[in-house]
Every structure is written in structure tokens, then in C-alpha cells.
Amino acid sequence: MNKPLVNDPLEALLGAAAAHHDGSPAAQRRTAEVEMARVLKTTPLQVASDPSNGAIAHWKHGALHDVVEPMTDHVIMTYPTGVQRLERRTGRSVAIGTARSGVVTIIPAGSSAKWDIPGPVDVIQLYLPPTTLERVTREAGAAAPGDLLERTGHPDAVTSSLLMSAADVLEGNSALDALFRQQLTDLLATRLLAAHTGEPATFEPAMGGLSPHALRRAIERLRSGSDADVSLAALASDAGLSRFHFCRAFKESTGLSPHAWLRQQQLERAMNILRDTDASIELVATELGYASQTAFTAAFKKLTGDTPSDWRRRMR
């Protein structure tokens, strides 16, 4: 569900590099969402949350001079636009970085630091529960990693690109958006384990796809309509696999991730309805599970280059 957060990603941004683990009991720590709401003095441009996968927030905020207190979640950030100085202080230790395109800032759960950011920042934040890293490690059969490392403006184009896509792909369709966030969370967790821990994890390459029966069940579920449970958990359970292994096997079998496959299937349904019926654009949007005609039109144009109305006229 989308909801406003009152939080400052800039503070979180600086906090990642300067934060230290204070040893406070986890029960006394705030969630990242609550702590960000305490320090930030504006509302996010966009927020999407999921009880089991944390939240993604896009912020534009002003200067920040405050302490980020220990949180229950890891905070991972990147910067779509602009350049800004970041300074994190922990006792006598000072870390300085630059917020710019292609870098990330990481504030591990339980860490705290004083942040000083002199001007405005455009930032996308992921609030990641530590249990997600533990689950992905377990499902991948990887060795237990070291602690997540603090980063401040650390170059990492891969993680930055994944976070950027989180803000771009939210389309106003609850099934598509939820499935995308679940995939993205697992991909980011895999990347963090491989590149941002004290003892980086290694992952074996995918070996083989889904069995014909498992692939058929997955496609049946994905095609079953907007009211069906198309979460990664449900799809993986049908196949008797973990989320981690299901995503890899599904892509091996189809060439697409579950989210990309479902989005393509939704586009084909939309085209069939637009070409073969006189249903209104609003009705097509509702039929496909979009929150509004505007959201459907934007998603359709992003994939085809045409609005639904223009595409229909061209096809007739």
C-alpha cells in the first residue's frame, strides 16, 4: 500500500556511513519508517510498502543536521539527481562522501550517527528487514555472511540501478507492483550479501528451469486474474521451491522474471480488449486491476509508446 512517510532520506543517507552499532536491545529500536519520520521535515514523493518486504520511499528534502538513532531495519539509499556533500560523525570518527548518481549509502540496522548535509538531496531509500537477508542467505545455501557494512556515497552502479528501478516501475497495479517489489527486495538482498558484507557471500549460477508441471502451475496462477494471489511466496510454494530458487528457475524457463512475464501478459490482454471490443479505457483499466485510468494509460504508453486510445485507433 502507498502511504506518506514523514522522514528525511538525506539524514538516513549520511547516517549510513557514520553510523555505529550502539548495542541497544532490538525491542527499543524504531523501525526505519518511524525514525525517518522523526528526522525528516517533509513528506516523500512516493512510498510503497509491504509487510514482509519493508518499504521503498522517494524523497526530496533539505539540509539535515541531526542524529539518526538505531533502527530495526537496514536503510539502503541511492540518488537519482544532483550532487551533495555528506558527512557522518560517530564520536571522533568522521566519514565524508558525496551523494550523486551511481553511488549508494547504507545504514545497517542498529547503527547510529550524527549527519550533516548542507543542502537539498534527491534520494530513494529501501527499508530492508534483517530477516530478509537471513532468508535469502538460507534459501541460497550460502555461508553466513559478515555484518552489513556502513557505506557513505559508495560507488555501486548495480545496487543504484536496482533502487532507481524501484521508483520507476510502480505502475498503479497492485498485483504487478507487489510482485515487482518482492523480486526487487530479493535481488537487492542478494547484491548486498555479495558486495556489502564483511564476508561476501557467493552464489552458484542457476542450474535448470522449472519442471513442465511446475511451470504450468505458475503460469496458471499468473493468468488467473487480479484477485488471485500472485505473490512470490504463493508461486514458489506451488513449485515446492524457495522464493530465491523459484525466481531463478522461472527466468531460466521463460527468459523473463515473474514480474516481467505478468506485465507482458497484462499488456497482451489489454491489446486484445482494445482491439476486439468497444470497452472504455476506464473499464479496461479496472478489468486489469489498475487503480485508475491514468495509471493504466501511463503503464501502457511506457511499454508501447502509444496511449491506449491512440493504439486502438491505429489497430482499427
Protein backbone atom coordinates (compact mmCIF):
# COMPACT_ATOMS: atom_id res chain seq x y z
CA MET A 1 0.00 0.00 0.00
CA ASN A 2 1.15 3.54 -0.72
CA LYS A 3 1.22 5.91 2.22
CA PRO A 4 3.03 9.08 3.18
CA LEU A 5 6.05 8.95 5.41
CA VAL A 6 7.37 11.92 7.30
CA ASN A 7 11.05 11.18 7.04
CA ASP A 8 14.31 12.60 5.71
CA PRO A 9 16.27 10.34 3.42
CA LEU A 10 19.14 12.77 3.49
CA GLU A 11 19.68 12.14 7.18
CA ALA A 12 19.48 8.45 6.57
CA LEU A 13 21.87 8.88 3.71
CA LEU A 14 24.53 10.42 5.87
CA GLY A 15 23.81 8.07 8.71
CA ALA A 16 24.82 5.06 6.71
CA ALA A 17 28.47 5.85 6.54
CA ALA A 18 28.87 7.32 10.01
CA ALA A 19 26.60 5.03 11.91
CA HIS A 20 27.87 2.75 14.64
CA HIS A 21 26.26 -0.18 16.40
CA ASP A 22 25.12 1.01 19.80
CA GLY A 23 24.26 -2.37 21.24
CA SER A 24 20.77 -1.28 22.28
CA PRO A 25 18.16 -4.05 22.51
CA ALA A 26 16.29 -4.51 19.24
CA ALA A 27 13.00 -4.05 21.06
CA GLN A 28 13.99 -0.46 21.89
CA ARG A 29 14.82 0.48 18.31
CA ARG A 30 12.42 2.23 15.97
CA THR A 31 11.56 0.95 12.52
CA ALA A 32 13.30 2.83 9.72
CA GLU A 33 9.95 4.27 8.70
CA VAL A 34 9.32 5.71 12.16
CA GLU A 35 12.88 7.03 12.64
CA MET A 36 12.85 8.64 9.22
CA ALA A 37 9.52 10.24 10.11
CA ARG A 38 11.13 11.68 13.23
CA VAL A 39 14.12 13.25 11.50
CA LEU A 40 12.71 14.35 8.16
CA LYS A 41 10.69 17.50 7.89
CA THR A 42 8.78 16.77 4.69
CA THR A 43 6.71 14.01 3.07
CA PRO A 44 8.01 11.60 0.42
CA LEU A 45 7.12 11.96 -3.24
CA GLN A 46 6.30 8.25 -3.37
CA VAL A 47 6.12 5.38 -0.88
CA ALA A 48 5.32 1.70 -1.37
CA SER A 49 5.38 -0.77 1.49
CA ASP A 50 4.90 -4.47 2.06
CA PRO A 51 4.64 -6.11 5.49
CA SER A 52 7.20 -8.80 4.65
CA ASN A 53 9.50 -6.81 2.35
CA GLY A 54 9.86 -3.43 4.02
CA ALA A 55 9.27 -0.18 2.17
CA ILE A 56 10.62 1.91 -0.70
CA ALA A 57 10.45 5.70 -0.41
CA HIS A 58 11.46 8.53 -2.77
CA TRP A 59 12.34 11.79 -1.00
CA LYS A 60 13.43 15.29 -1.83
CA HIS A 61 14.49 17.06 1.35
CA GLY A 62 16.54 19.99 2.52
CA ALA A 63 19.63 20.35 4.68
CA LEU A 64 19.99 17.85 7.51
CA HIS A 65 21.82 18.27 10.82
CA ASP A 66 20.64 15.58 13.23
CA VAL A 67 21.38 12.21 14.81
CA VAL A 68 19.89 9.11 13.20
CA GLU A 69 19.04 6.78 16.07
CA PRO A 70 19.34 2.96 15.91
CA MET A 71 16.71 1.31 13.70
CA THR A 72 15.33 -2.21 13.36
CA ASP A 73 15.76 -2.10 9.56
CA HIS A 74 18.70 -1.66 7.24
CA VAL A 75 18.42 1.51 5.12
CA ILE A 76 19.89 1.41 1.61
CA MET A 77 19.90 4.62 -0.47
CA THR A 78 20.77 5.99 -3.88
CA TYR A 79 20.48 9.39 -5.54
CA PRO A 80 18.61 9.96 -8.82
CA THR A 81 19.77 13.54 -9.38
CA GLY A 82 22.06 16.21 -8.00
CA VAL A 83 25.35 16.31 -6.13
CA GLN A 84 25.61 16.92 -2.37
CA ARG A 85 28.23 16.59 0.37
CA LEU A 86 27.56 14.02 3.11
CA GLU A 87 29.24 13.97 6.50
CA ARG A 88 28.72 11.33 9.18
CA ARG A 89 30.15 11.55 12.70
CA THR A 90 30.48 8.81 15.30
CA GLY A 91 32.39 10.04 18.30
CA ARG A 92 35.72 11.29 16.91
CA SER A 93 35.33 9.36 13.68
CA VAL A 94 34.23 11.31 10.60
CA ALA A 95 33.23 9.87 7.24
CA ILE A 96 32.70 12.15 4.24
CA GLY A 97 31.09 11.21 0.95
CA THR A 98 29.19 12.65 -1.99
CA ALA A 99 25.60 11.94 -2.93
CA ARG A 100 25.48 11.58 -6.72
CA SER A 101 24.26 9.23 -9.41
CA GLY A 102 25.61 5.67 -9.23
CA VAL A 103 26.52 5.59 -5.53
CA VAL A 104 24.80 4.07 -2.50
CA THR A 105 24.63 4.80 1.20
CA ILE A 106 23.94 2.02 3.69
CA ILE A 107 22.87 2.40 7.31
CA PRO A 108 22.94 -1.06 8.94
CA ALA A 109 20.21 -1.88 11.43
CA GLY A 110 21.20 -0.92 14.97
CA SER A 111 23.69 1.79 13.95
CA SER A 112 23.60 5.47 14.90
CA ALA A 113 25.46 8.61 13.79
CA LYS A 114 25.28 12.39 13.55
CA TRP A 115 24.67 13.53 10.00
CA ASP A 116 25.42 16.90 8.45
CA ILE A 117 24.19 17.61 4.93
CA PRO A 118 24.38 21.24 3.91
CA GLY A 119 21.81 21.33 1.11
CA PRO A 120 18.97 19.56 -0.71
CA VAL A 121 19.07 15.86 -1.60
CA ASP A 122 17.04 13.70 -4.00
CA VAL A 123 17.13 10.16 -2.61
CA ILE A 124 15.45 6.76 -2.95
CA GLN A 125 15.51 4.63 0.20
CA LEU A 126 14.84 0.96 0.79
CA TYR A 127 13.98 -0.10 4.36
CA LEU A 128 15.05 -3.75 4.50
CA PRO A 129 14.28 -6.04 7.44
CA PRO A 130 17.36 -8.05 8.55
CA THR A 131 15.21 -11.18 8.35
CA THR A 132 15.15 -10.76 4.56
CA LEU A 133 18.94 -11.07 4.35
CA GLU A 134 18.78 -14.11 6.63
CA ARG A 135 16.09 -15.73 4.46
CA VAL A 136 17.92 -15.14 1.18
CA THR A 137 21.16 -16.48 2.68
CA ARG A 138 19.35 -19.59 3.90
CA GLU A 139 17.44 -20.18 0.64
CA ALA A 140 20.59 -19.75 -1.46
CA GLY A 141 22.52 -22.18 0.71
CA ALA A 142 25.26 -19.56 1.15
CA ALA A 143 27.58 -19.37 4.13
CA ALA A 144 26.56 -16.95 6.87
CA PRO A 145 27.82 -13.51 5.79
CA GLY A 146 29.55 -10.94 7.95
CA ASP A 147 27.76 -7.82 9.18
CA LEU A 148 26.34 -5.40 6.62
CA LEU A 149 28.91 -2.66 6.03
CA GLU A 150 28.31 1.04 6.53
CA ARG A 151 28.62 2.94 3.26
CA THR A 152 28.54 6.68 2.51
CA GLY A 153 28.33 7.64 -1.15
CA HIS A 154 29.95 4.31 -2.10
CA PRO A 155 30.23 3.62 -5.88
CA ASP A 156 27.93 0.73 -6.84
CA ALA A 157 26.12 1.15 -10.15
CA VAL A 158 24.35 -2.23 -9.85
CA THR A 159 22.68 -1.57 -6.50
CA SER A 160 21.97 2.02 -7.51
CA SER A 161 20.24 0.90 -10.70
CA LEU A 162 18.09 -1.63 -8.82
CA LEU A 163 16.96 1.04 -6.37
CA MET A 164 16.25 3.50 -9.18
CA SER A 165 14.05 0.94 -10.91
CA ALA A 166 12.03 0.61 -7.71
CA ALA A 167 10.71 4.13 -8.12
CA ASP A 168 10.25 3.83 -11.90
CA VAL A 169 8.25 0.61 -12.13
CA LEU A 170 5.45 1.27 -9.64
CA GLU A 171 2.54 1.29 -12.10
CA GLY A 172 -0.64 1.60 -10.06
CA ASN A 173 -1.47 -2.10 -10.43
CA SER A 174 -1.43 -3.80 -7.02
CA ALA A 175 -0.56 -7.29 -8.29
CA LEU A 176 2.24 -6.11 -10.60
CA ASP A 177 3.65 -3.64 -8.09
CA ALA A 178 3.67 -6.13 -5.21
CA LEU A 179 5.34 -8.82 -7.32
CA PHE A 180 7.94 -6.35 -8.54
CA ARG A 181 8.77 -5.17 -5.01
CA GLN A 182 9.14 -8.77 -3.82
CA GLN A 183 11.53 -9.59 -6.67
CA LEU A 184 13.45 -6.37 -6.19
CA THR A 185 13.86 -6.97 -2.48
CA ASP A 186 15.34 -10.42 -3.08
CA LEU A 187 17.64 -9.13 -5.84
CA LEU A 188 18.87 -6.31 -3.61
CA ALA A 189 19.38 -8.69 -0.70
CA THR A 190 21.47 -10.93 -2.96
CA ARG A 191 23.53 -7.96 -4.11
CA LEU A 192 24.08 -6.70 -0.56
CA LEU A 193 25.22 -10.13 0.59
CA ALA A 194 27.68 -10.36 -2.32
CA ALA A 195 29.11 -6.83 -2.21
CA HIS A 196 28.41 -5.11 1.10
CA THR A 197 29.13 -7.51 3.96
CA GLY A 198 32.25 -8.26 5.96
CA GLU A 199 32.44 -11.74 4.42
CA PRO A 200 30.81 -11.54 0.96
CA ALA A 201 28.54 -14.43 0.05
CA THR A 202 28.95 -16.37 -3.20
CA PHE A 203 26.00 -17.70 -5.21
CA GLU A 204 26.07 -20.64 -7.58
CA PRO A 205 24.75 -19.98 -11.13
CA ALA A 206 21.23 -21.11 -11.91
CA MET A 207 21.04 -24.78 -12.91
CA GLY A 208 17.99 -25.68 -14.99
CA GLY A 209 14.48 -24.29 -15.09
CA LEU A 210 11.13 -25.37 -13.68
CA SER A 211 9.68 -28.77 -14.44
CA PRO A 212 6.86 -28.67 -17.06
CA HIS A 213 4.29 -29.27 -14.31
CA ALA A 214 5.67 -26.52 -12.07
CA LEU A 215 5.90 -24.06 -14.96
CA ARG A 216 2.32 -24.82 -15.98
CA ARG A 217 1.08 -24.20 -12.43
CA ALA A 218 2.99 -20.93 -12.21
CA ILE A 219 1.56 -19.66 -15.49
CA GLU A 220 -1.95 -20.72 -14.49
CA ARG A 221 -1.64 -18.73 -11.27
CA LEU A 222 -0.22 -15.68 -13.03
CA ARG A 223 -3.06 -15.79 -15.57
CA SER A 224 -5.82 -16.39 -13.05
CA GLY A 225 -6.95 -12.78 -12.64
CA SER A 226 -6.48 -9.69 -10.50
CA ASP A 227 -7.97 -11.31 -7.37
CA ALA A 228 -5.53 -14.22 -7.35
CA ASP A 229 -2.54 -14.45 -5.04
CA VAL A 230 0.42 -13.95 -7.38
CA SER A 231 2.94 -13.27 -4.66
CA LEU A 232 6.37 -14.85 -4.90
CA ALA A 233 5.56 -16.86 -1.79
CA ALA A 234 2.49 -18.43 -3.43
CA LEU A 235 4.25 -19.09 -6.74
CA ALA A 236 7.26 -20.64 -5.04
CA SER A 237 5.08 -22.77 -2.77
CA ASP A 238 3.24 -24.22 -5.77
CA ALA A 239 6.59 -25.23 -7.25
CA GLY A 240 7.93 -26.60 -3.97
CA LEU A 241 10.85 -24.14 -4.08
CA SER A 242 12.13 -21.18 -2.09
CA ARG A 243 11.50 -17.68 -3.46
CA PHE A 244 15.18 -17.39 -4.35
CA HIS A 245 15.31 -20.60 -6.39
CA PHE A 246 11.85 -20.14 -7.94
CA CYS A 247 12.76 -16.76 -9.47
CA ARG A 248 15.97 -18.13 -10.97
CA ALA A 249 14.26 -21.25 -12.33
CA PHE A 250 11.29 -19.31 -13.76
CA LYS A 251 13.58 -16.96 -15.65
CA GLU A 252 15.64 -19.91 -16.89
CA SER A 253 12.44 -21.47 -18.27
CA THR A 254 10.77 -18.38 -19.76
CA GLY A 255 13.54 -15.84 -20.29
CA LEU A 256 11.60 -13.39 -18.11
CA SER A 257 11.25 -12.74 -14.40
CA PRO A 258 7.78 -13.46 -12.93
CA HIS A 259 7.06 -9.71 -12.83
CA ALA A 260 8.14 -9.14 -16.44
CA TRP A 261 6.11 -12.17 -17.58
CA LEU A 262 2.97 -10.95 -15.80
CA ARG A 263 3.42 -7.42 -17.16
CA GLN A 264 3.74 -8.80 -20.71
CA GLN A 265 0.64 -10.96 -20.20
CA GLN A 266 -1.31 -7.94 -18.92
CA LEU A 267 -0.24 -5.93 -21.96
CA GLU A 268 -1.43 -8.67 -24.32
CA ARG A 269 -4.79 -8.82 -22.52
CA ALA A 270 -5.15 -5.06 -22.80
CA MET A 271 -4.35 -5.11 -26.51
CA ASN A 272 -6.89 -7.87 -27.17
CA ILE A 273 -9.64 -5.98 -25.34
CA LEU A 274 -8.81 -2.68 -27.02
CA ARG A 275 -8.66 -4.26 -30.49
CA ASP A 276 -11.67 -6.61 -30.26
CA THR A 277 -14.18 -4.68 -28.13
CA ASP A 278 -15.52 -1.16 -27.62
CA ALA A 279 -14.92 -1.23 -23.87
CA SER A 280 -13.96 2.15 -22.43
CA ILE A 281 -10.37 2.77 -21.37
CA GLU A 282 -11.59 3.12 -17.80
CA LEU A 283 -13.26 -0.29 -17.94
CA VAL A 284 -10.11 -1.91 -19.39
CA ALA A 285 -8.05 -0.37 -16.58
CA THR A 286 -10.45 -1.77 -13.98
CA GLU A 287 -10.53 -5.19 -15.63
CA LEU A 288 -6.74 -5.41 -15.48
CA GLY A 289 -6.52 -4.30 -11.83
CA TYR A 290 -5.18 -0.77 -12.25
CA ALA A 291 -6.03 1.79 -9.60
CA SER A 292 -7.08 4.36 -12.20
CA GLN A 293 -7.38 5.04 -15.91
CA THR A 294 -4.43 7.41 -15.58
CA ALA A 295 -2.21 4.69 -14.09
CA PHE A 296 -3.18 2.23 -16.83
CA THR A 297 -2.60 4.80 -19.59
CA ALA A 298 0.86 5.66 -18.23
CA ALA A 299 1.85 1.97 -17.96
CA PHE A 300 0.52 1.16 -21.44
CA LYS A 301 2.32 4.11 -23.04
CA LYS A 302 5.57 3.20 -21.29
CA LEU A 303 5.52 -0.25 -22.91
CA THR A 304 4.12 0.62 -26.37
CA GLY A 305 4.85 4.30 -26.96
CA ASP A 306 1.13 4.95 -27.53
CA THR A 307 -1.77 5.76 -25.26
CA PRO A 308 -4.48 3.07 -25.25
CA SER A 309 -6.78 5.33 -27.31
CA ASP A 310 -4.11 6.04 -29.92
CA TRP A 311 -3.16 2.37 -30.14
CA ARG A 312 -6.80 1.35 -30.61
CA ARG A 313 -7.25 3.85 -33.46
CA ARG A 314 -4.12 2.57 -35.21
CA MET A 315 -5.25 -1.07 -34.96
CA ARG A 316 -8.69 -0.47 -36.43
